[in-house]
């Protein structure tokens, strides 16, 4: 019997990537919220040490440098770190997080 290949929308694939990132962070001991609505940040993660990370998950394209700087400034006013995570830098991001958080 032939298996069917189902196409998924870009939005749904993005949601699945967010879930993957969230799961990995929770496995590291982070408390993670999923942001809904028009807020640019997809996930808000609290580390075991109390650090706060605003995480934008992107499958393909990246934010412009101007957008990144704007969000970094906003996050800084709330004592948070703004990070853009994609399929290509996910492992590096998790490695750096483990190093910075002492996990």
PDB file of N, CA and C in Angstrom:
ATOM      1  N   UNK A   1       0.840  -1.174   0.000  1.00  0.00           N
ATOM      2  CA  UNK A   1       0.000   0.000   0.000  1.00  0.00           C
ATOM      3  C   UNK A   1       0.891   1.245   0.000  1.00  0.00           C
ATOM      4  N   UNK A   2       0.547   2.190  -0.817  1.00  0.00           N
ATOM      5  CA  UNK A   2       1.333   3.409  -0.965  1.00  0.00           C
ATOM      6  C   UNK A   2       1.020   4.383   0.175  1.00  0.00           C
ATOM      7  N   UNK A   3       2.079   4.965   0.744  1.00  0.00           N
ATOM      8  CA  UNK A   3       1.875   5.953   1.802  1.00  0.00           C
ATOM      9  C   UNK A   3       1.595   7.306   1.188  1.00  0.00           C
ATOM     10  N   UNK A   4       0.693   8.039   1.791  1.00  0.00           N
ATOM     11  CA  UNK A   4       0.371   9.374   1.310  1.00  0.00           C
ATOM     12  C   UNK A   4       1.297  10.397   1.942  1.00  0.00           C
ATOM     13  N   UNK A   5       1.718  11.326   1.146  1.00  0.00           N
ATOM     14  CA  UNK A   5       2.501  12.449   1.634  1.00  0.00           C
ATOM     15  C   UNK A   5       1.549  13.631   1.786  1.00  0.00           C
ATOM     16  N   UNK A   6       1.391  14.115   2.998  1.00  0.00           N
ATOM     17  CA  UNK A   6       0.514  15.255   3.225  1.00  0.00           C
ATOM     18  C   UNK A   6       1.345  16.525   3.247  1.00  0.00           C
ATOM     19  N   UNK A   7       0.882  17.497   2.508  1.00  0.00           N
ATOM     20  CA  UNK A   7       1.551  18.791   2.519  1.00  0.00           C
ATOM     21  C   UNK A   7       1.010  19.589   3.688  1.00  0.00           C
ATOM     22  N   UNK A   8       1.900  20.265   4.361  1.00  0.00           N
ATOM     23  CA  UNK A   8       1.475  21.101   5.470  1.00  0.00           C
ATOM     24  C   UNK A   8       1.768  22.549   5.131  1.00  0.00           C
ATOM     25  N   UNK A   9       0.988  23.419   5.699  1.00  0.00           N
ATOM     26  CA  UNK A   9       1.160  24.842   5.425  1.00  0.00           C
ATOM     27  C   UNK A   9       2.433  25.340   6.106  1.00  0.00           C
ATOM     28  N   UNK A  10       3.012  26.420   5.597  1.00  0.00           N
ATOM     29  CA  UNK A  10       4.198  27.001   6.243  1.00  0.00           C
ATOM     30  C   UNK A  10       3.927  27.371   7.701  1.00  0.00           C
ATOM     31  N   UNK A  11       2.726  27.854   7.973  1.00  0.00           N
ATOM     32  CA  UNK A  11       2.374  28.233   9.349  1.00  0.00           C
ATOM     33  C   UNK A  11       2.412  27.007  10.267  1.00  0.00           C
ATOM     34  N   UNK A  12       1.879  25.889   9.792  1.00  0.00           N
ATOM     35  CA  UNK A  12       1.866  24.671  10.599  1.00  0.00           C
ATOM     36  C   UNK A  12       3.283  24.136  10.806  1.00  0.00           C
ATOM     37  N   UNK A  13       4.115  24.184   9.759  1.00  0.00           N
ATOM     38  CA  UNK A  13       5.511  23.749   9.908  1.00  0.00           C
ATOM     39  C   UNK A  13       6.230  24.637  10.921  1.00  0.00           C
ATOM     40  N   UNK A  14       5.930  25.940  10.896  1.00  0.00           N
ATOM     41  CA  UNK A  14       6.512  26.858  11.879  1.00  0.00           C
ATOM     42  C   UNK A  14       6.078  26.503  13.289  1.00  0.00           C
ATOM     43  N   UNK A  15       4.802  26.167  13.443  1.00  0.00           N
ATOM     44  CA  UNK A  15       4.278  25.753  14.742  1.00  0.00           C
ATOM     45  C   UNK A  15       4.984  24.492  15.238  1.00  0.00           C
ATOM     46  N   UNK A  16       5.207  23.532  14.338  1.00  0.00           N
ATOM     47  CA  UNK A  16       5.906  22.300  14.727  1.00  0.00           C
ATOM     48  C   UNK A  16       7.338  22.593  15.161  1.00  0.00           C
ATOM     49  N   UNK A  17       7.997  23.534  14.482  1.00  0.00           N
ATOM     50  CA  UNK A  17       9.360  23.912  14.867  1.00  0.00           C
ATOM     51  C   UNK A  17       9.352  24.581  16.240  1.00  0.00           C
ATOM     52  N   UNK A  18       8.379  25.453  16.498  1.00  0.00           N
ATOM     53  CA  UNK A  18       8.243  26.074  17.824  1.00  0.00           C
ATOM     54  C   UNK A  18       8.102  25.002  18.897  1.00  0.00           C
ATOM     55  N   UNK A  19       7.273  23.990  18.622  1.00  0.00           N
ATOM     56  CA  UNK A  19       7.078  22.899  19.589  1.00  0.00           C
ATOM     57  C   UNK A  19       8.376  22.152  19.851  1.00  0.00           C
ATOM     58  N   UNK A  20       9.156  21.936  18.789  1.00  0.00           N
ATOM     59  CA  UNK A  20      10.442  21.249  18.938  1.00  0.00           C
ATOM     60  C   UNK A  20      11.379  22.055  19.836  1.00  0.00           C
ATOM     61  N   UNK A  21      11.470  23.356  19.583  1.00  0.00           N
ATOM     62  CA  UNK A  21      12.338  24.224  20.388  1.00  0.00           C
ATOM     63  C   UNK A  21      11.858  24.232  21.834  1.00  0.00           C
ATOM     64  N   UNK A  22      10.547  24.376  22.024  1.00  0.00           N
ATOM     65  CA  UNK A  22       9.981  24.400  23.375  1.00  0.00           C
ATOM     66  C   UNK A  22      10.301  23.109  24.133  1.00  0.00           C
ATOM     67  N   UNK A  23      10.119  21.978  23.467  1.00  0.00           N
ATOM     68  CA  UNK A  23      10.367  20.682  24.105  1.00  0.00           C
ATOM     69  C   UNK A  23      11.826  20.563  24.547  1.00  0.00           C
ATOM     70  N   UNK A  24      12.753  20.971  23.677  1.00  0.00           N
ATOM     71  CA  UNK A  24      14.172  20.881  24.017  1.00  0.00           C
ATOM     72  C   UNK A  24      14.513  21.781  25.203  1.00  0.00           C
ATOM     73  N   UNK A  25      13.924  22.977  25.245  1.00  0.00           N
ATOM     74  CA  UNK A  25      14.172  23.886  26.368  1.00  0.00           C
ATOM     75  C   UNK A  25      13.599  23.316  27.668  1.00  0.00           C
ATOM     76  N   UNK A  26      12.406  22.756  27.596  1.00  0.00           N
ATOM     77  CA  UNK A  26      11.798  22.170  28.789  1.00  0.00           C
ATOM     78  C   UNK A  26      12.618  20.988  29.293  1.00  0.00           C
ATOM     79  N   UNK A  27      13.198  20.210  28.385  1.00  0.00           N
ATOM     80  CA  UNK A  27      14.064  19.097  28.786  1.00  0.00           C
ATOM     81  C   UNK A  27      15.310  19.597  29.513  1.00  0.00           C
ATOM     82  N   UNK A  28      15.706  20.847  29.236  1.00  0.00           N
ATOM     83  CA  UNK A  28      16.868  21.451  29.897  1.00  0.00           C
ATOM     84  C   UNK A  28      16.478  22.133  31.210  1.00  0.00           C
ATOM     85  N   UNK A  29      15.208  22.069  31.582  1.00  0.00           N
ATOM     86  CA  UNK A  29      14.770  22.645  32.842  1.00  0.00           C
ATOM     87  C   UNK A  29      14.178  24.041  32.741  1.00  0.00           C
ATOM     88  N   UNK A  30      13.988  24.532  31.531  1.00  0.00           N
ATOM     89  CA  UNK A  30      13.396  25.852  31.340  1.00  0.00           C
ATOM     90  C   UNK A  30      11.883  25.779  31.498  1.00  0.00           C
ATOM     91  N   UNK A  31      11.298  26.885  31.950  1.00  0.00           N
ATOM     92  CA  UNK A  31       9.849  27.038  31.985  1.00  0.00           C
ATOM     93  C   UNK A  31       9.502  27.884  30.769  1.00  0.00           C
ATOM     94  N   UNK A  32       8.680  27.361  29.850  1.00  0.00           N
ATOM     95  CA  UNK A  32       8.479  28.008  28.552  1.00  0.00           C
ATOM     96  C   UNK A  32       7.002  28.302  28.309  1.00  0.00           C
ATOM     97  N   UNK A  33       6.729  29.546  27.890  1.00  0.00           N
ATOM     98  CA  UNK A  33       5.399  29.963  27.461  1.00  0.00           C
ATOM     99  C   UNK A  33       5.409  30.137  25.956  1.00  0.00           C
ATOM    100  N   UNK A  34       4.319  29.810  25.328  1.00  0.00           N
ATOM    101  CA  UNK A  34       4.158  30.106  23.900  1.00  0.00           C
ATOM    102  C   UNK A  34       3.367  31.396  23.795  1.00  0.00           C
ATOM    103  N   UNK A  35       3.919  32.352  23.082  1.00  0.00           N
ATOM    104  CA  UNK A  35       3.262  33.635  22.886  1.00  0.00           C
ATOM    105  C   UNK A  35       2.292  33.513  21.726  1.00  0.00           C
ATOM    106  N   UNK A  36       1.085  33.991  21.903  1.00  0.00           N
ATOM    107  CA  UNK A  36       0.099  33.929  20.829  1.00  0.00           C
ATOM    108  C   UNK A  36      -0.257  35.335  20.376  1.00  0.00           C
ATOM    109  N   UNK A  37      -0.947  35.428  19.285  1.00  0.00           N
ATOM    110  CA  UNK A  37      -1.374  36.731  18.788  1.00  0.00           C
ATOM    111  C   UNK A  37      -0.310  37.388  17.939  1.00  0.00           C
ATOM    112  N   UNK A  38      -0.322  38.700  17.928  1.00  0.00           N
ATOM    113  CA  UNK A  38       0.556  39.440  17.023  1.00  0.00           C
ATOM    114  C   UNK A  38       1.891  39.818  17.656  1.00  0.00           C
ATOM    115  N   UNK A  39       2.168  39.340  18.863  1.00  0.00           N
ATOM    116  CA  UNK A  39       3.453  39.610  19.499  1.00  0.00           C
ATOM    117  C   UNK A  39       4.532  38.895  18.695  1.00  0.00           C
ATOM    118  N   UNK A  40       5.615  39.571  18.385  1.00  0.00           N
ATOM    119  CA  UNK A  40       6.635  39.032  17.477  1.00  0.00           C
ATOM    120  C   UNK A  40       7.361  37.812  18.052  1.00  0.00           C
ATOM    121  N   UNK A  41       7.484  37.749  19.340  1.00  0.00           N
ATOM    122  CA  UNK A  41       8.230  36.668  19.978  1.00  0.00           C
ATOM    123  C   UNK A  41       7.353  35.421  20.054  1.00  0.00           C
ATOM    124  N   UNK A  42       7.916  34.263  19.675  1.00  0.00           N
ATOM    125  CA  UNK A  42       7.150  33.016  19.680  1.00  0.00           C
ATOM    126  C   UNK A  42       7.141  32.340  21.047  1.00  0.00           C
ATOM    127  N   UNK A  43       8.298  32.342  21.715  1.00  0.00           N
ATOM    128  CA  UNK A  43       8.428  31.667  23.008  1.00  0.00           C
ATOM    129  C   UNK A  43       9.076  32.599  24.022  1.00  0.00           C
ATOM    130  N   UNK A  44       8.633  32.487  25.256  1.00  0.00           N
ATOM    131  CA  UNK A  44       9.280  33.187  26.362  1.00  0.00           C
ATOM    132  C   UNK A  44       9.741  32.099  27.315  1.00  0.00           C
ATOM    133  N   UNK A  45      11.050  32.042  27.532  1.00  0.00           N
ATOM    134  CA  UNK A  45      11.633  30.955  28.326  1.00  0.00           C
ATOM    135  C   UNK A  45      12.339  31.512  29.554  1.00  0.00           C
ATOM    136  N   UNK A  46      12.089  30.879  30.685  1.00  0.00           N
ATOM    137  CA  UNK A  46      12.733  31.239  31.945  1.00  0.00           C
ATOM    138  C   UNK A  46      13.701  30.123  32.311  1.00  0.00           C
ATOM    139  N   UNK A  47      14.965  30.475  32.468  1.00  0.00           N
ATOM    140  CA  UNK A  47      15.973  29.463  32.788  1.00  0.00           C
ATOM    141  C   UNK A  47      15.901  29.111  34.267  1.00  0.00           C
ATOM    142  N   UNK A  48      16.494  27.978  34.653  1.00  0.00           N
ATOM    143  CA  UNK A  48      16.545  27.613  36.071  1.00  0.00           C
ATOM    144  C   UNK A  48      17.266  28.670  36.915  1.00  0.00           C
ATOM    145  N   UNK A  49      18.161  29.434  36.288  1.00  0.00           N
ATOM    146  CA  UNK A  49      18.884  30.496  36.999  1.00  0.00           C
ATOM    147  C   UNK A  49      18.106  31.808  37.050  1.00  0.00           C
ATOM    148  N   UNK A  50      16.970  31.860  36.385  1.00  0.00           N
ATOM    149  CA  UNK A  50      16.150  33.063  36.412  1.00  0.00           C
ATOM    150  C   UNK A  50      16.327  33.998  35.231  1.00  0.00           C
ATOM    151  N   UNK A  51      17.151  33.626  34.263  1.00  0.00           N
ATOM    152  CA  UNK A  51      17.304  34.451  33.065  1.00  0.00           C
ATOM    153  C   UNK A  51      16.088  34.278  32.162  1.00  0.00           C
ATOM    154  N   UNK A  52      15.754  35.345  31.450  1.00  0.00           N
ATOM    155  CA  UNK A  52      14.583  35.329  30.574  1.00  0.00           C
ATOM    156  C   UNK A  52      15.044  35.455  29.128  1.00  0.00           C
ATOM    157  N   UNK A  53      14.491  34.607  28.263  1.00  0.00           N
ATOM    158  CA  UNK A  53      14.828  34.610  26.840  1.00  0.00           C
ATOM    159  C   UNK A  53      13.556  34.791  26.024  1.00  0.00           C
ATOM    160  N   UNK A  54      13.577  35.786  25.145  1.00  0.00           N
ATOM    161  CA  UNK A  54      12.506  35.968  24.164  1.00  0.00           C
ATOM    162  C   UNK A  54      13.000  35.302  22.896  1.00  0.00           C
ATOM    163  N   UNK A  55      12.287  34.304  22.417  1.00  0.00           N
ATOM    164  CA  UNK A  55      12.772  33.499  21.298  1.00  0.00           C
ATOM    165  C   UNK A  55      11.827  33.614  20.104  1.00  0.00           C
ATOM    166  N   UNK A  56      12.393  34.015  18.983  1.00  0.00           N
ATOM    167  CA  UNK A  56      11.668  34.061  17.712  1.00  0.00           C
ATOM    168  C   UNK A  56      12.132  32.855  16.899  1.00  0.00           C
ATOM    169  N   UNK A  57      11.215  31.968  16.558  1.00  0.00           N
ATOM    170  CA  UNK A  57      11.542  30.758  15.797  1.00  0.00           C
ATOM    171  C   UNK A  57      11.270  31.001  14.318  1.00  0.00           C
ATOM    172  N   UNK A  58      12.268  30.745  13.492  1.00  0.00           N
ATOM    173  CA  UNK A  58      12.143  30.938  12.048  1.00  0.00           C
ATOM    174  C   UNK A  58      12.625  29.680  11.342  1.00  0.00           C
ATOM    175  N   UNK A  59      11.824  29.175  10.422  1.00  0.00           N
ATOM    176  CA  UNK A  59      12.250  28.006   9.658  1.00  0.00           C
ATOM    177  C   UNK A  59      13.233  28.376   8.564  1.00  0.00           C
ATOM    178  N   UNK A  60      12.954  29.433   7.841  1.00  0.00           N
ATOM    179  CA  UNK A  60      13.769  29.750   6.668  1.00  0.00           C
ATOM    180  C   UNK A  60      14.401  31.138   6.741  1.00  0.00           C
ATOM    181  N   UNK A  61      13.589  32.149   6.636  1.00  0.00           N
ATOM    182  CA  UNK A  61      14.158  33.487   6.558  1.00  0.00           C
ATOM    183  C   UNK A  61      14.507  34.007   7.949  1.00  0.00           C
ATOM    184  N   UNK A  62      15.336  35.013   7.960  1.00  0.00           N
ATOM    185  CA  UNK A  62      15.785  35.607   9.208  1.00  0.00           C
ATOM    186  C   UNK A  62      15.158  36.988   9.337  1.00  0.00           C
ATOM    187  N   UNK A  63      15.258  37.576  10.502  1.00  0.00           N
ATOM    188  CA  UNK A  63      14.820  38.953  10.673  1.00  0.00           C
ATOM    189  C   UNK A  63      15.877  39.884  10.099  1.00  0.00           C
ATOM    190  N   UNK A  64      15.462  41.064   9.708  1.00  0.00           N
ATOM    191  CA  UNK A  64      16.434  42.049   9.242  1.00  0.00           C
ATOM    192  C   UNK A  64      17.265  42.507  10.440  1.00  0.00           C
ATOM    193  N   UNK A  65      18.434  43.036  10.162  1.00  0.00           N
ATOM    194  CA  UNK A  65      19.313  43.513  11.233  1.00  0.00           C
ATOM    195  C   UNK A  65      18.615  44.605  12.040  1.00  0.00           C
ATOM    196  N   UNK A  66      17.871  45.455  11.354  1.00  0.00           N
ATOM    197  CA  UNK A  66      17.149  46.546  12.017  1.00  0.00           C
ATOM    198  C   UNK A  66      16.097  45.990  12.983  1.00  0.00           C
ATOM    199  N   UNK A  67      15.356  44.977  12.521  1.00  0.00           N
ATOM    200  CA  UNK A  67      14.346  44.339  13.374  1.00  0.00           C
ATOM    201  C   UNK A  67      14.986  43.676  14.589  1.00  0.00           C
ATOM    202  N   UNK A  68      16.093  42.969  14.369  1.00  0.00           N
ATOM    203  CA  UNK A  68      16.795  42.312  15.480  1.00  0.00           C
ATOM    204  C   UNK A  68      17.224  43.327  16.523  1.00  0.00           C
ATOM    205  N   UNK A  69      17.836  44.425  16.063  1.00  0.00           N
ATOM    206  CA  UNK A  69      18.303  45.455  16.995  1.00  0.00           C
ATOM    207  C   UNK A  69      17.143  46.041  17.787  1.00  0.00           C
ATOM    208  N   UNK A  70      16.037  46.279  17.104  1.00  0.00           N
ATOM    209  CA  UNK A  70      14.858  46.836  17.781  1.00  0.00           C
ATOM    210  C   UNK A  70      14.375  45.897  18.885  1.00  0.00           C
ATOM    211  N   UNK A  71      14.259  44.604  18.567  1.00  0.00           N
ATOM    212  CA  UNK A  71      13.785  43.644  19.557  1.00  0.00           C
ATOM    213  C   UNK A  71      14.797  43.427  20.678  1.00  0.00           C
ATOM    214  N   UNK A  72      16.080  43.489  20.365  1.00  0.00           N
ATOM    215  CA  UNK A  72      17.104  43.372  21.412  1.00  0.00           C
ATOM    216  C   UNK A  72      16.994  44.526  22.397  1.00  0.00           C
ATOM    217  N   UNK A  73      16.753  45.737  21.893  1.00  0.00           N
ATOM    218  CA  UNK A  73      16.595  46.907  22.764  1.00  0.00           C
ATOM    219  C   UNK A  73      15.359  46.784  23.642  1.00  0.00           C
ATOM    220  N   UNK A  74      14.247  46.346  23.041  1.00  0.00           N
ATOM    221  CA  UNK A  74      13.014  46.178  23.820  1.00  0.00           C
ATOM    222  C   UNK A  74      13.214  45.115  24.892  1.00  0.00           C
ATOM    223  N   UNK A  75      13.806  43.986  24.522  1.00  0.00           N
ATOM    224  CA  UNK A  75      14.034  42.901  25.482  1.00  0.00           C
ATOM    225  C   UNK A  75      14.922  43.370  26.628  1.00  0.00           C
ATOM    226  N   UNK A  76      15.940  44.150  26.298  1.00  0.00           N
ATOM    227  CA  UNK A  76      16.872  44.634  27.316  1.00  0.00           C
ATOM    228  C   UNK A  76      16.157  45.475  28.375  1.00  0.00           C
ATOM    229  N   UNK A  77      15.156  46.265  27.969  1.00  0.00           N
ATOM    230  CA  UNK A  77      14.420  47.083  28.942  1.00  0.00           C
ATOM    231  C   UNK A  77      13.646  46.209  29.927  1.00  0.00           C
ATOM    232  N   UNK A  78      13.363  44.971  29.539  1.00  0.00           N
ATOM    233  CA  UNK A  78      12.670  44.027  30.417  1.00  0.00           C
ATOM    234  C   UNK A  78      13.627  42.986  31.004  1.00  0.00           C
ATOM    235  N   UNK A  79      14.916  43.258  30.909  1.00  0.00           N
ATOM    236  CA  UNK A  79      15.965  42.361  31.428  1.00  0.00           C
ATOM    237  C   UNK A  79      15.858  40.960  30.824  1.00  0.00           C
ATOM    238  N   UNK A  80      15.605  40.928  29.525  1.00  0.00           N
ATOM    239  CA  UNK A  80      15.493  39.657  28.800  1.00  0.00           C
ATOM    240  C   UNK A  80      16.513  39.635  27.669  1.00  0.00           C
ATOM    241  N   UNK A  81      16.748  38.455  27.134  1.00  0.00           N
ATOM    242  CA  UNK A  81      17.641  38.267  25.988  1.00  0.00           C
ATOM    243  C   UNK A  81      16.775  37.902  24.786  1.00  0.00           C
ATOM    244  N   UNK A  82      16.970  38.596  23.665  1.00  0.00           N
ATOM    245  CA  UNK A  82      16.224  38.288  22.447  1.00  0.00           C
ATOM    246  C   UNK A  82      17.079  37.403  21.555  1.00  0.00           C
ATOM    247  N   UNK A  83      16.498  36.295  21.084  1.00  0.00           N
ATOM    248  CA  UNK A  83      17.236  35.338  20.263  1.00  0.00           C
ATOM    249  C   UNK A  83      16.361  34.900  19.086  1.00  0.00           C
ATOM    250  N   UNK A  84      16.980  34.805  17.911  1.00  0.00           N
ATOM    251  CA  UNK A  84      16.301  34.238  16.742  1.00  0.00           C
ATOM    252  C   UNK A  84      16.875  32.841  16.529  1.00  0.00           C
ATOM    253  N   UNK A  85      16.005  31.844  16.549  1.00  0.00           N
ATOM    254  CA  UNK A  85      16.433  30.451  16.388  1.00  0.00           C
ATOM    255  C   UNK A  85      15.853  29.927  15.077  1.00  0.00           C
ATOM    256  N   UNK A  86      16.703  29.246  14.301  1.00  0.00           N
ATOM    257  CA  UNK A  86      16.224  28.610  13.076  1.00  0.00           C
ATOM    258  C   UNK A  86      16.759  27.182  13.015  1.00  0.00           C
ATOM    259  N   UNK A  87      16.372  26.468  11.979  1.00  0.00           N
ATOM    260  CA  UNK A  87      16.792  25.061  11.855  1.00  0.00           C
ATOM    261  C   UNK A  87      18.304  24.916  11.821  1.00  0.00           C
ATOM    262  N   UNK A  88      18.979  25.929  11.294  1.00  0.00           N
ATOM    263  CA  UNK A  88      20.419  25.827  11.087  1.00  0.00           C
ATOM    264  C   UNK A  88      21.234  26.178  12.329  1.00  0.00           C
ATOM    265  N   UNK A  89      20.684  27.000  13.229  1.00  0.00           N
ATOM    266  CA  UNK A  89      21.455  27.382  14.413  1.00  0.00           C
ATOM    267  C   UNK A  89      20.894  26.797  15.706  1.00  0.00           C
ATOM    268  N   UNK A  90      19.912  25.917  15.624  1.00  0.00           N
ATOM    269  CA  UNK A  90      19.274  25.372  16.825  1.00  0.00           C
ATOM    270  C   UNK A  90      20.267  24.643  17.722  1.00  0.00           C
ATOM    271  N   UNK A  91      21.078  23.758  17.164  1.00  0.00           N
ATOM    272  CA  UNK A  91      22.041  23.007  17.983  1.00  0.00           C
ATOM    273  C   UNK A  91      23.043  23.942  18.646  1.00  0.00           C
ATOM    274  N   UNK A  92      23.524  24.923  17.885  1.00  0.00           N
ATOM    275  CA  UNK A  92      24.476  25.893  18.433  1.00  0.00           C
ATOM    276  C   UNK A  92      23.818  26.709  19.549  1.00  0.00           C
ATOM    277  N   UNK A  93      22.574  27.132  19.335  1.00  0.00           N
ATOM    278  CA  UNK A  93      21.840  27.889  20.342  1.00  0.00           C
ATOM    279  C   UNK A  93      21.704  27.088  21.632  1.00  0.00           C
ATOM    280  N   UNK A  94      21.309  25.820  21.519  1.00  0.00           N
ATOM    281  CA  UNK A  94      21.142  24.981  22.709  1.00  0.00           C
ATOM    282  C   UNK A  94      22.475  24.752  23.414  1.00  0.00           C
ATOM    283  N   UNK A  95      23.545  24.566  22.648  1.00  0.00           N
ATOM    284  CA  UNK A  95      24.877  24.387  23.231  1.00  0.00           C
ATOM    285  C   UNK A  95      25.292  25.634  24.011  1.00  0.00           C
ATOM    286  N   UNK A  96      25.101  26.808  23.411  1.00  0.00           N
ATOM    287  CA  UNK A  96      25.468  28.060  24.084  1.00  0.00           C
ATOM    288  C   UNK A  96      24.620  28.292  25.327  1.00  0.00           C
ATOM    289  N   UNK A  97      23.353  27.936  25.245  1.00  0.00           N
ATOM    290  CA  UNK A  97      22.478  28.084  26.400  1.00  0.00           C
ATOM    291  C   UNK A  97      22.954  27.200  27.547  1.00  0.00           C
ATOM    292  N   UNK A  98      23.309  25.958  27.226  1.00  0.00           N
ATOM    293  CA  UNK A  98      23.810  25.054  28.261  1.00  0.00           C
ATOM    294  C   UNK A  98      25.071  25.615  28.897  1.00  0.00           C
ATOM    295  N   UNK A  99      25.950  26.177  28.084  1.00  0.00           N
ATOM    296  CA  UNK A  99      27.196  26.756  28.598  1.00  0.00           C
ATOM    297  C   UNK A  99      26.912  27.959  29.484  1.00  0.00           C
ATOM    298  N   UNK A 100      26.059  28.864  29.003  1.00  0.00           N
ATOM    299  CA  UNK A 100      25.758  30.087  29.751  1.00  0.00           C
ATOM    300  C   UNK A 100      24.993  29.816  31.035  1.00  0.00           C
ATOM    301  N   UNK A 101      24.137  28.823  31.008  1.00  0.00           N
ATOM    302  CA  UNK A 101      23.298  28.526  32.165  1.00  0.00           C
ATOM    303  C   UNK A 101      23.930  27.494  33.096  1.00  0.00           C
ATOM    304  N   UNK A 102      25.043  26.915  32.693  1.00  0.00           N
ATOM    305  CA  UNK A 102      25.696  25.913  33.521  1.00  0.00           C
ATOM    306  C   UNK A 102      24.898  24.630  33.636  1.00  0.00           C
ATOM    307  N   UNK A 103      24.229  24.270  32.568  1.00  0.00           N
ATOM    308  CA  UNK A 103      23.375  23.064  32.575  1.00  0.00           C
ATOM    309  C   UNK A 103      24.178  21.877  32.075  1.00  0.00           C
TER     310      UNK A 103
END
